Amino acid sequence: MAITTYIYGSFVEKLSNKEIDYESDDIKLMLCDNNYTPNLTTDIYKNQVTNEVSGDGYTSGGELLTGKSITYDSGVTSYIASSLQWLNITTTFRYAVLYDDTGNDATSPLIAYFDFGDDVILEISTFTINFSSSEVITFTI
């Protein structure tokens, strides 16, 4: 399964305005079904994301990233985090949306989303997202 990563257009602005502090803020990953239509230009805050999944083993709002850090090497900036895991989850999703949880959906900036290309159907499964080499996203300059 090919997973494609997209960065929301407002991410760099929110990062520059200090609305997002990746290393110290509560960064979460939530799952959405195929009825969510991501818009990289107009989706800015979590309240604009629709169709979050529900189901056994899934908590509304998603999972908190741990082990976060930022590295820079030879023109590449990497946002790093430990793998995420949902235990005994039963749901169907297509997208995973990364955001900075401020406690208010209208002020929780979106960072990126991952498109799994098709529905992922889980029935009482353990689901793990292993970020490539622990990198959530990277920028190359």
C-alpha atoms as a PDB file:
ATOM      1  CA  MET A   1       0.000   0.000   0.000  1.00  0.00           C
ATOM      2  CA  ALA A   2       1.462   3.349  -1.066  1.00  0.00           C
ATOM      3  CA  ILE A   3       0.987   6.120   1.470  1.00  0.00           C
ATOM      4  CA  THR A   4       1.278   9.699   0.239  1.00  0.00           C
ATOM      5  CA  THR A   5       2.048  12.607   2.577  1.00  0.00           C
ATOM      6  CA  TYR A   6       0.660  16.094   1.991  1.00  0.00           C
ATOM      7  CA  ILE A   7       1.538  19.252   3.955  1.00  0.00           C
ATOM      8  CA  TYR A   8      -1.295  21.707   4.617  1.00  0.00           C
ATOM      9  CA  GLY A   9      -0.532  25.082   3.031  1.00  0.00           C
ATOM     10  CA  SER A  10      -0.853  26.986   6.307  1.00  0.00           C
ATOM     11  CA  PHE A  11       1.667  24.789   8.179  1.00  0.00           C
ATOM     12  CA  VAL A  12       4.797  26.847   7.485  1.00  0.00           C
ATOM     13  CA  GLU A  13       2.930  30.087   8.296  1.00  0.00           C
ATOM     14  CA  LYS A  14       1.646  28.660  11.599  1.00  0.00           C
ATOM     15  CA  LEU A  15       5.143  27.382  12.396  1.00  0.00           C
ATOM     16  CA  SER A  16       6.673  30.791  11.592  1.00  0.00           C
ATOM     17  CA  ASN A  17       4.040  32.609  13.687  1.00  0.00           C
ATOM     18  CA  LYS A  18       4.880  30.319  16.635  1.00  0.00           C
ATOM     19  CA  GLU A  19       1.379  28.808  16.658  1.00  0.00           C
ATOM     20  CA  ILE A  20       3.029  25.402  16.389  1.00  0.00           C
ATOM     21  CA  ASP A  21       5.920  24.204  18.523  1.00  0.00           C
ATOM     22  CA  TYR A  22       6.378  20.678  17.257  1.00  0.00           C
ATOM     23  CA  GLU A  23       8.643  19.512  20.051  1.00  0.00           C
ATOM     24  CA  SER A  24       6.661  20.815  23.032  1.00  0.00           C
ATOM     25  CA  ASP A  25       3.019  21.015  21.861  1.00  0.00           C
ATOM     26  CA  ASP A  26       0.531  18.125  21.886  1.00  0.00           C
ATOM     27  CA  ILE A  27       0.788  16.864  18.305  1.00  0.00           C
ATOM     28  CA  LYS A  28      -1.850  14.253  17.459  1.00  0.00           C
ATOM     29  CA  LEU A  29      -2.729  11.951  14.601  1.00  0.00           C
ATOM     30  CA  MET A  30      -6.416  11.326  13.961  1.00  0.00           C
ATOM     31  CA  LEU A  31      -8.051   8.974  11.469  1.00  0.00           C
ATOM     32  CA  CYS A  32     -10.720  10.013   8.942  1.00  0.00           C
ATOM     33  CA  ASP A  33     -12.807   7.983   6.541  1.00  0.00           C
ATOM     34  CA  ASN A  34     -13.007   8.383   2.779  1.00  0.00           C
ATOM     35  CA  ASN A  35     -15.783  11.002   3.062  1.00  0.00           C
ATOM     36  CA  TYR A  36     -13.233  13.604   4.202  1.00  0.00           C
ATOM     37  CA  THR A  37     -12.113  15.667   1.220  1.00  0.00           C
ATOM     38  CA  PRO A  38      -8.767  17.232   2.189  1.00  0.00           C
ATOM     39  CA  ASN A  39      -8.102  20.743   0.908  1.00  0.00           C
ATOM     40  CA  LEU A  40      -4.496  21.840   1.337  1.00  0.00           C
ATOM     41  CA  THR A  41      -5.413  25.494   0.800  1.00  0.00           C
ATOM     42  CA  THR A  42      -8.572  26.018   2.845  1.00  0.00           C
ATOM     43  CA  ASP A  43      -8.214  23.439   5.636  1.00  0.00           C
ATOM     44  CA  ILE A  44      -6.315  25.327   8.338  1.00  0.00           C
ATOM     45  CA  TYR A  45      -7.658  24.155  11.721  1.00  0.00           C
ATOM     46  CA  LYS A  46      -8.966  20.842  13.058  1.00  0.00           C
ATOM     47  CA  ASN A  47     -12.575  22.062  13.074  1.00  0.00           C
ATOM     48  CA  GLN A  48     -12.414  22.002   9.249  1.00  0.00           C
ATOM     49  CA  VAL A  49     -11.597  18.294   9.154  1.00  0.00           C
ATOM     50  CA  THR A  50     -14.696  16.143   8.745  1.00  0.00           C
ATOM     51  CA  ASN A  51     -15.522  12.483   9.046  1.00  0.00           C
ATOM     52  CA  GLU A  52     -13.228  11.425  11.874  1.00  0.00           C
ATOM     53  CA  VAL A  53     -13.707   7.715  12.420  1.00  0.00           C
ATOM     54  CA  SER A  54     -15.145   6.065  15.500  1.00  0.00           C
ATOM     55  CA  GLY A  55     -15.081   2.504  16.706  1.00  0.00           C
ATOM     56  CA  ASP A  56     -13.756   0.208  19.365  1.00  0.00           C
ATOM     57  CA  GLY A  57     -10.144   0.959  20.249  1.00  0.00           C
ATOM     58  CA  TYR A  58     -10.226   4.486  18.786  1.00  0.00           C
ATOM     59  CA  THR A  59     -10.410   7.645  20.893  1.00  0.00           C
ATOM     60  CA  SER A  60     -11.859  10.789  19.356  1.00  0.00           C
ATOM     61  CA  GLY A  61      -9.086  13.245  18.527  1.00  0.00           C
ATOM     62  CA  GLY A  62      -6.572  10.514  17.752  1.00  0.00           C
ATOM     63  CA  GLU A  63      -3.287   9.514  19.328  1.00  0.00           C
ATOM     64  CA  LEU A  64      -0.605  11.755  20.829  1.00  0.00           C
ATOM     65  CA  LEU A  65       2.828  11.626  19.188  1.00  0.00           C
ATOM     66  CA  THR A  66       5.718  10.864  21.524  1.00  0.00           C
ATOM     67  CA  GLY A  67       9.475  10.929  21.101  1.00  0.00           C
ATOM     68  CA  LYS A  68       9.287  14.126  19.036  1.00  0.00           C
ATOM     69  CA  SER A  69      12.343  16.013  17.851  1.00  0.00           C
ATOM     70  CA  ILE A  70      13.548  18.033  14.880  1.00  0.00           C
ATOM     71  CA  THR A  71      16.848  17.440  13.120  1.00  0.00           C
ATOM     72  CA  TYR A  72      18.663  19.180  10.280  1.00  0.00           C
ATOM     73  CA  ASP A  73      21.346  17.567   8.147  1.00  0.00           C
ATOM     74  CA  SER A  74      22.674  18.492   4.697  1.00  0.00           C
ATOM     75  CA  GLY A  75      19.652  20.541   3.639  1.00  0.00           C
ATOM     76  CA  VAL A  76      17.018  18.186   5.073  1.00  0.00           C
ATOM     77  CA  THR A  77      14.874  19.105   8.078  1.00  0.00           C
ATOM     78  CA  SER A  78      13.192  16.069   9.646  1.00  0.00           C
ATOM     79  CA  TYR A  79      10.295  16.036  12.092  1.00  0.00           C
ATOM     80  CA  ILE A  80      10.708  12.837  14.077  1.00  0.00           C
ATOM     81  CA  ALA A  81       8.353  10.855  16.318  1.00  0.00           C
ATOM     82  CA  SER A  82       7.991   7.378  17.726  1.00  0.00           C
ATOM     83  CA  SER A  83       5.626   4.940  16.051  1.00  0.00           C
ATOM     84  CA  LEU A  84       1.937   5.060  16.967  1.00  0.00           C
ATOM     85  CA  GLN A  85      -0.189   2.067  17.839  1.00  0.00           C
ATOM     86  CA  TRP A  86      -3.890   1.428  18.283  1.00  0.00           C
ATOM     87  CA  LEU A  87      -4.749  -1.800  20.114  1.00  0.00           C
ATOM     88  CA  ASN A  88      -7.875  -3.861  19.375  1.00  0.00           C
ATOM     89  CA  ILE A  89      -9.189  -1.238  16.947  1.00  0.00           C
ATOM     90  CA  THR A  90     -12.254  -1.809  14.779  1.00  0.00           C
ATOM     91  CA  THR A  91     -12.826   0.914  12.185  1.00  0.00           C
ATOM     92  CA  THR A  92     -12.395   1.865   8.534  1.00  0.00           C
ATOM     93  CA  PHE A  93     -10.303   4.860   7.477  1.00  0.00           C
ATOM     94  CA  ARG A  94      -8.438   6.316   4.520  1.00  0.00           C
ATOM     95  CA  TYR A  95      -6.654   9.378   5.920  1.00  0.00           C
ATOM     96  CA  ALA A  96      -4.522  10.130   8.981  1.00  0.00           C
ATOM     97  CA  VAL A  97      -4.468  13.842   9.863  1.00  0.00           C
ATOM     98  CA  LEU A  98      -1.604  15.345  11.880  1.00  0.00           C
ATOM     99  CA  TYR A  99      -2.424  18.451  13.923  1.00  0.00           C
ATOM    100  CA  ASP A 100      -1.368  20.541  16.926  1.00  0.00           C
ATOM    101  CA  ASP A 101      -3.987  20.013  19.653  1.00  0.00           C
ATOM    102  CA  THR A 102      -4.573  23.293  21.518  1.00  0.00           C
ATOM    103  CA  GLY A 103      -7.662  21.954  23.277  1.00  0.00           C
ATOM    104  CA  ASN A 104      -9.908  23.952  20.933  1.00  0.00           C
ATOM    105  CA  ASP A 105     -10.645  22.528  17.474  1.00  0.00           C
ATOM    106  CA  ALA A 106     -11.038  26.053  16.016  1.00  0.00           C
ATOM    107  CA  THR A 107      -7.460  26.962  17.016  1.00  0.00           C
ATOM    108  CA  SER A 108      -5.728  23.588  16.523  1.00  0.00           C
ATOM    109  CA  PRO A 109      -3.540  24.056  13.397  1.00  0.00           C
ATOM    110  CA  LEU A 110      -3.306  21.313  10.801  1.00  0.00           C
ATOM    111  CA  ILE A 111       0.159  20.088   9.839  1.00  0.00           C
ATOM    112  CA  ALA A 112      -0.141  17.276   7.306  1.00  0.00           C
ATOM    113  CA  TYR A 113      -2.230  14.345   6.232  1.00  0.00           C
ATOM    114  CA  PHE A 114      -1.381  10.875   5.037  1.00  0.00           C
ATOM    115  CA  ASP A 115      -3.465   9.328   2.249  1.00  0.00           C
ATOM    116  CA  PHE A 116      -3.464   5.534   2.381  1.00  0.00           C
ATOM    117  CA  GLY A 117      -4.821   5.437  -1.198  1.00  0.00           C
ATOM    118  CA  ASP A 118      -7.820   3.296  -0.301  1.00  0.00           C
ATOM    119  CA  ASP A 119      -9.841   2.265   2.725  1.00  0.00           C
ATOM    120  CA  VAL A 120      -8.020   0.488   5.522  1.00  0.00           C
ATOM    121  CA  ILE A 121     -10.435  -1.883   7.254  1.00  0.00           C
ATOM    122  CA  LEU A 122      -9.530  -3.001  10.765  1.00  0.00           C
ATOM    123  CA  GLU A 123     -11.467  -5.566  12.799  1.00  0.00           C
ATOM    124  CA  ILE A 124     -10.210  -6.068  16.338  1.00  0.00           C
ATOM    125  CA  SER A 125      -6.689  -5.462  15.098  1.00  0.00           C
ATOM    126  CA  THR A 126      -3.527  -3.878  16.363  1.00  0.00           C
ATOM    127  CA  PHE A 127      -2.648  -1.096  13.947  1.00  0.00           C
ATOM    128  CA  THR A 128       0.798   0.502  13.998  1.00  0.00           C
ATOM    129  CA  ILE A 129       2.058   3.469  12.020  1.00  0.00           C
ATOM    130  CA  ASN A 130       5.833   3.159  11.745  1.00  0.00           C
ATOM    131  CA  PHE A 131       7.123   6.453  10.489  1.00  0.00           C
ATOM    132  CA  SER A 132       9.882   5.937   7.906  1.00  0.00           C
ATOM    133  CA  SER A 133      13.116   5.980   9.909  1.00  0.00           C
ATOM    134  CA  SER A 134      10.975   7.584  12.644  1.00  0.00           C
ATOM    135  CA  GLU A 135      10.454  10.655  10.432  1.00  0.00           C
ATOM    136  CA  VAL A 136       6.930  12.032  10.375  1.00  0.00           C
ATOM    137  CA  ILE A 137       7.680  14.619   7.664  1.00  0.00           C
ATOM    138  CA  THR A 138      10.799  16.058   6.044  1.00  0.00           C
ATOM    139  CA  PHE A 139      11.658  19.233   4.150  1.00  0.00           C
ATOM    140  CA  THR A 140      14.510  19.436   1.686  1.00  0.00           C
ATOM    141  CA  ILE A 141      16.055  22.828   0.944  1.00  0.00           C
END
